[in-house]
Structures are given as C-alpha cells and as structure tokens.
Amino acid sequence: MKIAIAIATAGRRAGLSDTLGYLRQQTRMADSLYLCPAASTDLDLDALTDYPCPSKVVQGERGLPAQRNAILRALGDEDIVVFFDDDYLPEPGFLAELETLFARHPDLVIATGHVLADGAQGPGILYDDAVRLIQALPPLTTDRLETTFGGYGCNMAVRVCVMREARVEFDERLPLYAWWEDIDFSRRLAPFGQIKQSFRLRGVHLGSKTGRSPGKRLGYSQVANLLYMVKKGSIPRGVAYGQISKHLVANLVKSLRPEPWVDRPGRVAGNFLALTDALRGVVDPGKILKL
C-alpha cells in the first residue's frame, strides 16, 4: 500500500519546516510527500534536503480547497493520501497504524485520528510542548474505532481510488482558509464508504494563529459556508443551523471579554452580515474576498 502525505500551507514557513522535520520520525515512512504553498516564500526548500521519501512541490491557486485539489491532481499511483495541516504533529507510529487500518477495513474511505490536544481551540500550542506531549504518551492499548460525521482536515486520510471513481474534490467556491471544507468533502464521499475516527491515530494540532482569516471574514464563513452546503445538499439543515447557532452564541458571549488571540467582535460582525445576506437571498461564500 502506497501512502502520500499532502500539506497545503500559507504563511507558516518556519512552522512548516518544524513539521517536516518531525515527520522524518515516522516508523513507516510515507511513499511520497506533496506540498502546495500559497506562495514560494511559504516553503524553505532546505527542509526537503535528503528527505526520506520522494517529495514534490505543486502550484495551485491560494486557498485551502484549491491548494489541496492541486495536490490531488498531482497524485500518482498512491493508494492513500493523508492530509496533514502544516501545524499538525502525528505520533511517530501514525502512518504504520494508518496502513494497517485501511488494509483491515476495505470499505473505509476516510479515516481521521484522535487529536490529543488542539491549539485551534485556544491560544495555540508551542512546537516543543507538542513534542513533549507526544513523547509522554503511553503505549497504544485501544482498538477504538468510531463512525464520525466527517474527517478533521488537520489529519484526514482518504482512499484514492474511491475518491477518483466518485470524482469528489474539495469545493473551490469555499475560498481562502475555508470553513468546514473537510466536512463538505467528507459528506460527499460518505455514500461510497465508511468514515471512521481511529483512536490509534494520535497527534497534536498546534493551532498556529498565523495564516488564518481575519475575524470578519471567518465570521462570515461560519454562516455563509454552511448555508451554501445546505443549498447544494452536502449537509443537513439541522446540522448547519445547529453549528451556526453555536458559533453565533459563542461569538456574542465571548465578545464581552474576548480572548487575546480571537477577534470576537469581527466574527460577530461577519456572522450578522452573512445572516443579513441570507435573508436577502444571497448565499455566496466568495463574498469574503471583498471584505
């Protein structure tokens, strides 16, 4: 079984180099590595010197879905492609476990792992702290495998042949950092196989705050992207409305005492702008490019 690592990156040159260095510790090396930087300055080519598997840098339009699609179109005869965020550190045995998982479950189309700590939910996690968390892990003792609604894009593996036969790619109408592009992708692949979370696939998501969309843009996407997915049929209304309500309430409440690393007032403004547009019959994720 051939496994490709795919990383789309923007604005995190130093962090990407750290991640690439850490990926060298995999006990089962990838068969190929694909990188799609938003700009040439986002990748230090020295980080690929003597890399222990063939690597390829591909070009694509700026935006997470477009960059990931550029990688998908560049794939060769790989069986599995695993998308890692440029700030995600997988446990050294991750790829070995991934190969076993897909071999044992031929009906599996998407697998995502157990994020031990997620800096995206807080101020972020330093690289050295993430490494220490992983080094302190006890040996694996669980075979826990659960059906999940969608893969988490920071660590999401896909069976390539099924994806190609289904002709499913990431939706490039979800621009820039996107929002829920991983769930949209997952749900469009769901009719063709199982989507599972494996607790033997462990890692830490640093949640870097560089390279992300500003508050107003992100707030707009939190509403507009989900309504767009409902309109095209990839997610149910109940799921979308629940998520929109959750984020709107969180942004409103936390804007009273916003975290230093989150632009809550900007997110609130974006939320309400998208809701206003929706009431006018306008559902366009691409509007964030004008904000």
Protein backbone atom coordinates (compact mmCIF):
# COMPACT_ATOMS: atom_id res chain seq x y z
CA MET A 1 0.00 0.00 0.00
CA LYS A 2 1.41 3.37 -1.01
CA ILE A 3 0.78 6.37 1.25
CA ALA A 4 1.19 10.02 0.28
CA ILE A 5 1.39 12.91 2.72
CA ALA A 6 -0.30 16.09 1.46
CA ILE A 7 0.28 19.51 3.02
CA ALA A 8 -1.27 22.76 1.81
CA THR A 9 0.39 25.71 3.52
CA ALA A 10 0.24 29.50 3.72
CA GLY A 11 2.21 31.99 5.80
CA ARG A 12 3.89 29.47 8.12
CA ARG A 13 7.35 28.98 6.65
CA ALA A 14 9.20 28.29 9.93
CA GLY A 15 6.40 26.18 11.38
CA LEU A 16 6.21 24.09 8.22
CA SER A 17 9.93 23.37 8.46
CA ASP A 18 9.43 22.17 12.04
CA THR A 19 6.58 19.90 10.93
CA LEU A 20 8.58 18.46 8.03
CA GLY A 21 11.45 17.76 10.39
CA TYR A 22 9.15 15.98 12.80
CA LEU A 23 7.60 13.86 10.03
CA ARG A 24 11.04 12.30 9.46
CA GLN A 25 10.46 10.35 12.68
CA GLN A 26 7.69 8.16 11.26
CA THR A 27 8.45 4.48 11.82
CA ARG A 28 6.78 3.75 8.50
CA MET A 29 7.86 6.44 6.06
CA ALA A 30 5.46 7.85 3.51
CA ASP A 31 5.99 6.77 -0.08
CA SER A 32 5.64 10.35 -1.28
CA LEU A 33 5.26 13.88 0.04
CA TYR A 34 3.31 16.61 -1.75
CA LEU A 35 3.41 20.26 -0.75
CA CYS A 36 1.37 23.14 -2.13
CA PRO A 37 2.46 26.53 -0.75
CA ALA A 38 0.28 29.56 -1.36
CA ALA A 39 3.45 31.50 -2.25
CA SER A 40 7.02 30.44 -2.96
CA THR A 41 8.17 32.17 0.23
CA ASP A 42 5.95 29.85 2.32
CA LEU A 43 8.35 26.93 1.86
CA ASP A 44 12.03 26.68 2.78
CA LEU A 45 13.36 24.15 0.28
CA ASP A 46 16.21 23.30 2.65
CA ALA A 47 13.63 21.49 4.78
CA LEU A 48 13.32 18.94 1.95
CA THR A 49 17.05 18.24 1.66
CA ASP A 50 17.65 14.47 1.93
CA TYR A 51 14.01 13.93 2.81
CA PRO A 52 13.46 10.16 3.30
CA CYS A 53 10.82 9.86 0.56
CA PRO A 54 10.26 11.48 -2.84
CA SER A 55 8.84 14.98 -2.48
CA LYS A 56 7.05 17.22 -4.95
CA VAL A 57 6.07 20.88 -4.74
CA VAL A 58 2.94 21.70 -6.73
CA GLN A 59 1.36 25.03 -7.57
CA GLY A 60 -2.27 25.99 -7.04
CA GLU A 61 -4.47 29.00 -6.51
CA ARG A 62 -4.34 30.49 -3.00
CA GLY A 63 -6.97 28.93 -0.74
CA LEU A 64 -7.06 25.67 1.17
CA PRO A 65 -9.51 23.78 -1.11
CA ALA A 66 -7.71 24.91 -4.28
CA GLN A 67 -4.28 24.01 -2.89
CA ARG A 68 -5.47 20.60 -1.74
CA ASN A 69 -7.03 19.96 -5.14
CA ALA A 70 -3.74 20.84 -6.82
CA ILE A 71 -2.15 18.06 -4.78
CA LEU A 72 -4.93 15.59 -5.59
CA ARG A 73 -4.44 16.22 -9.30
CA ALA A 74 -0.70 15.64 -8.94
CA LEU A 75 -1.03 12.25 -7.22
CA GLY A 76 0.36 9.20 -8.97
CA ASP A 77 -0.35 5.59 -8.03
CA GLU A 78 -0.70 6.15 -4.29
CA ASP A 79 -3.43 4.19 -2.50
CA ILE A 80 -3.92 6.53 0.45
CA VAL A 81 -3.44 10.28 0.72
CA VAL A 82 -3.29 11.73 4.21
CA PHE A 83 -3.83 15.46 4.60
CA PHE A 84 -1.84 16.99 7.43
CA ASP A 85 -2.08 20.64 8.39
CA ASP A 86 1.27 22.40 8.39
CA ASP A 87 0.98 22.66 12.19
CA TYR A 88 -0.06 19.07 12.95
CA LEU A 89 2.39 16.63 14.52
CA PRO A 90 1.47 12.94 14.18
CA GLU A 91 2.80 10.36 16.60
CA PRO A 92 5.77 8.51 15.02
CA GLY A 93 3.67 5.36 14.51
CA PHE A 94 0.82 7.20 12.77
CA LEU A 95 1.47 6.06 9.20
CA ALA A 96 2.13 2.46 10.25
CA GLU A 97 -1.21 2.42 12.06
CA LEU A 98 -2.90 4.08 9.09
CA GLU A 99 -1.70 1.40 6.68
CA THR A 100 -2.98 -1.36 8.96
CA LEU A 101 -6.32 0.38 9.39
CA PHE A 102 -7.03 0.73 5.66
CA ALA A 103 -5.84 -2.82 4.97
CA ARG A 104 -8.19 -4.26 7.60
CA HIS A 105 -11.20 -2.21 6.51
CA PRO A 106 -11.60 -2.29 2.72
CA ASP A 107 -14.87 -0.34 2.98
CA LEU A 108 -13.12 2.58 4.69
CA VAL A 109 -12.98 5.73 2.54
CA ILE A 110 -11.93 8.37 5.11
CA ALA A 111 -10.07 7.98 8.39
CA THR A 112 -9.30 10.67 10.92
CA GLY A 113 -7.44 10.37 14.18
CA HIS A 114 -7.59 11.35 17.83
CA VAL A 115 -6.27 14.87 18.39
CA LEU A 116 -4.68 14.70 21.83
CA ALA A 117 -4.53 18.48 22.16
CA ASP A 118 -5.91 21.10 19.78
CA GLY A 119 -4.40 24.57 19.88
CA ALA A 120 -7.08 25.76 17.46
CA GLN A 121 -9.46 25.75 20.44
CA GLY A 122 -7.22 28.06 22.47
CA PRO A 123 -4.13 30.26 22.25
CA GLY A 124 -2.16 27.64 20.37
CA ILE A 125 0.45 25.08 21.39
CA LEU A 126 4.21 25.57 21.08
CA TYR A 127 6.12 23.04 18.99
CA ASP A 128 8.32 21.89 21.88
CA ASP A 129 5.29 21.44 24.13
CA ALA A 130 3.55 19.37 21.46
CA VAL A 131 6.60 17.14 21.09
CA ARG A 132 6.70 16.58 24.84
CA LEU A 133 3.01 15.65 24.85
CA ILE A 134 3.61 13.02 22.20
CA GLN A 135 6.76 11.67 23.85
CA ALA A 136 4.85 11.21 27.11
CA LEU A 137 2.14 9.07 25.51
CA PRO A 138 1.59 5.59 26.93
CA PRO A 139 1.76 2.62 24.54
CA LEU A 140 -1.33 2.00 22.44
CA THR A 141 -3.83 -0.33 24.09
CA THR A 142 -7.09 0.55 22.33
CA ASP A 143 -8.64 -0.56 19.06
CA ARG A 144 -11.42 2.00 19.39
CA LEU A 145 -12.88 2.87 16.00
CA GLU A 146 -15.99 5.05 15.72
CA THR A 147 -18.18 6.23 12.87
CA THR A 148 -17.90 10.00 12.54
CA PHE A 149 -19.74 12.66 10.52
CA GLY A 150 -16.58 13.81 8.75
CA GLY A 151 -12.82 13.88 8.85
CA TYR A 152 -10.93 16.62 10.66
CA GLY A 153 -8.83 18.29 7.99
CA CYS A 154 -5.70 18.61 10.13
CA ASN A 155 -5.32 14.81 9.90
CA MET A 156 -7.58 13.21 7.31
CA ALA A 157 -6.70 10.16 5.22
CA VAL A 158 -8.58 9.25 2.02
CA ARG A 159 -8.67 6.11 -0.13
CA VAL A 160 -7.57 7.49 -3.50
CA CYS A 161 -9.29 5.03 -5.85
CA VAL A 162 -12.72 5.66 -4.30
CA MET A 163 -12.23 9.42 -4.40
CA ARG A 164 -11.28 9.24 -8.08
CA GLU A 165 -14.16 6.96 -9.03
CA ALA A 166 -16.59 9.23 -7.19
CA ARG A 167 -14.99 12.32 -8.77
CA VAL A 168 -15.01 14.16 -5.47
CA GLU A 169 -12.66 17.09 -4.87
CA PHE A 170 -12.63 19.97 -2.40
CA ASP A 171 -15.06 22.73 -3.28
CA GLU A 172 -13.07 25.72 -4.52
CA ARG A 173 -16.06 28.02 -4.05
CA LEU A 174 -15.02 27.95 -0.38
CA PRO A 175 -12.13 30.44 -0.56
CA LEU A 176 -9.03 31.16 1.49
CA TYR A 177 -8.86 29.35 4.85
CA ALA A 178 -12.35 27.96 4.10
CA TRP A 179 -14.66 26.71 6.82
CA TRP A 180 -15.94 23.15 7.05
CA GLU A 181 -14.40 22.28 3.69
CA ASP A 182 -13.27 19.00 5.28
CA ILE A 183 -16.83 18.13 6.33
CA ASP A 184 -18.25 19.08 2.94
CA PHE A 185 -15.65 16.86 1.26
CA SER A 186 -16.35 14.02 3.70
CA ARG A 187 -20.10 14.09 3.29
CA ARG A 188 -19.84 13.98 -0.50
CA LEU A 189 -17.69 10.84 -0.16
CA ALA A 190 -19.91 9.29 2.52
CA PRO A 191 -22.16 7.39 0.03
CA PHE A 192 -19.11 5.47 -1.20
CA GLY A 193 -17.70 4.09 2.05
CA GLN A 194 -17.21 4.37 5.78
CA ILE A 195 -15.88 7.44 7.60
CA LYS A 196 -14.18 6.49 10.85
CA GLN A 197 -12.22 8.01 13.69
CA SER A 198 -9.42 5.78 14.92
CA PHE A 199 -8.04 6.30 18.41
CA ARG A 200 -4.84 4.55 17.34
CA LEU A 201 -4.03 7.54 15.12
CA ARG A 202 -2.73 10.11 17.58
CA GLY A 203 -1.27 13.57 17.18
CA VAL A 204 -1.24 17.18 18.33
CA HIS A 205 -2.62 20.18 16.41
CA LEU A 206 -0.63 23.28 17.28
CA GLY A 207 -3.36 25.64 16.09
CA SER A 208 -0.99 28.31 14.80
CA LYS A 209 -2.61 31.74 14.62
CA THR A 210 -0.69 32.87 11.54
CA GLY A 211 -2.11 32.26 8.07
CA ARG A 212 -5.75 32.32 9.22
CA SER A 213 -8.59 34.52 8.01
CA PRO A 214 -9.32 37.78 9.89
CA GLY A 215 -12.28 37.79 12.28
CA LYS A 216 -14.87 39.36 10.00
CA ARG A 217 -14.07 37.03 7.13
CA LEU A 218 -14.09 33.96 9.35
CA GLY A 219 -17.37 35.02 10.96
CA TYR A 220 -18.94 35.41 7.53
CA SER A 221 -17.71 31.95 6.51
CA GLN A 222 -19.10 30.39 9.69
CA VAL A 223 -22.57 31.20 8.38
CA ALA A 224 -22.32 31.51 4.59
CA ASN A 225 -20.32 28.32 4.01
CA LEU A 226 -22.79 26.18 5.95
CA LEU A 227 -25.83 27.69 4.23
CA TYR A 228 -24.13 27.09 0.90
CA MET A 229 -23.56 23.43 1.82
CA VAL A 230 -27.23 23.06 2.75
CA LYS A 231 -28.23 24.59 -0.57
CA LYS A 232 -26.12 22.13 -2.55
CA GLY A 233 -27.16 19.20 -0.34
CA SER A 234 -23.89 18.10 1.24
CA ILE A 235 -25.02 18.64 4.86
CA PRO A 236 -28.50 18.56 6.50
CA ARG A 237 -30.25 21.75 7.56
CA GLY A 238 -30.34 20.69 11.20
CA VAL A 239 -26.58 20.23 11.33
CA ALA A 240 -25.95 23.58 9.65
CA TYR A 241 -28.38 25.53 11.80
CA GLY A 242 -27.02 23.94 14.95
CA GLN A 243 -23.46 24.91 14.05
CA ILE A 244 -24.42 28.44 13.05
CA SER A 245 -26.32 28.95 16.32
CA LYS A 246 -23.42 27.52 18.34
CA HIS A 247 -20.85 29.86 16.84
CA LEU A 248 -23.11 32.91 16.85
CA VAL A 249 -23.86 32.49 20.57
CA ALA A 250 -20.20 31.81 21.38
CA ASN A 251 -19.03 34.86 19.46
CA LEU A 252 -21.65 37.09 21.07
CA VAL A 253 -20.97 35.93 24.62
CA LYS A 254 -17.20 35.90 24.33
CA SER A 255 -17.10 39.28 22.62
CA LEU A 256 -17.87 40.76 26.05
CA ARG A 257 -14.46 39.55 27.24
CA PRO A 258 -12.68 38.41 24.06
CA GLU A 259 -9.62 36.18 24.14
CA PRO A 260 -6.42 38.00 23.03
CA TRP A 261 -5.95 35.54 20.16
CA VAL A 262 -9.51 35.78 18.75
CA ASP A 263 -11.21 38.72 17.04
CA ARG A 264 -14.67 38.05 18.52
CA PRO A 265 -16.21 41.43 17.53
CA GLY A 266 -15.05 40.83 13.97
CA ARG A 267 -16.57 37.35 13.96
CA VAL A 268 -19.87 38.72 15.27
CA ALA A 269 -19.92 41.35 12.53
CA GLY A 270 -19.21 38.66 9.93
CA ASN A 271 -21.91 36.37 11.34
CA PHE A 272 -24.59 39.06 11.15
CA LEU A 273 -23.51 40.25 7.72
CA ALA A 274 -23.86 36.70 6.37
CA LEU A 275 -27.26 36.29 8.05
CA THR A 276 -28.42 39.59 6.54
CA ASP A 277 -27.26 38.47 3.11
CA ALA A 278 -29.05 35.14 3.55
CA LEU A 279 -32.31 36.90 4.38
CA ARG A 280 -31.87 38.82 1.12
CA GLY A 281 -31.44 35.51 -0.72
CA VAL A 282 -27.68 35.84 -1.15
CA VAL A 283 -25.59 32.79 -0.17
CA ASP A 284 -22.09 33.32 -1.51
CA PRO A 285 -19.01 32.09 0.41
CA GLY A 286 -16.83 34.02 -2.03
CA LYS A 287 -18.01 37.35 -0.68
CA ILE A 288 -15.27 37.19 1.97
CA LEU A 289 -12.81 38.11 -0.78
CA LYS A 290 -14.43 41.57 -0.81
CA LEU A 291 -14.49 42.08 2.98
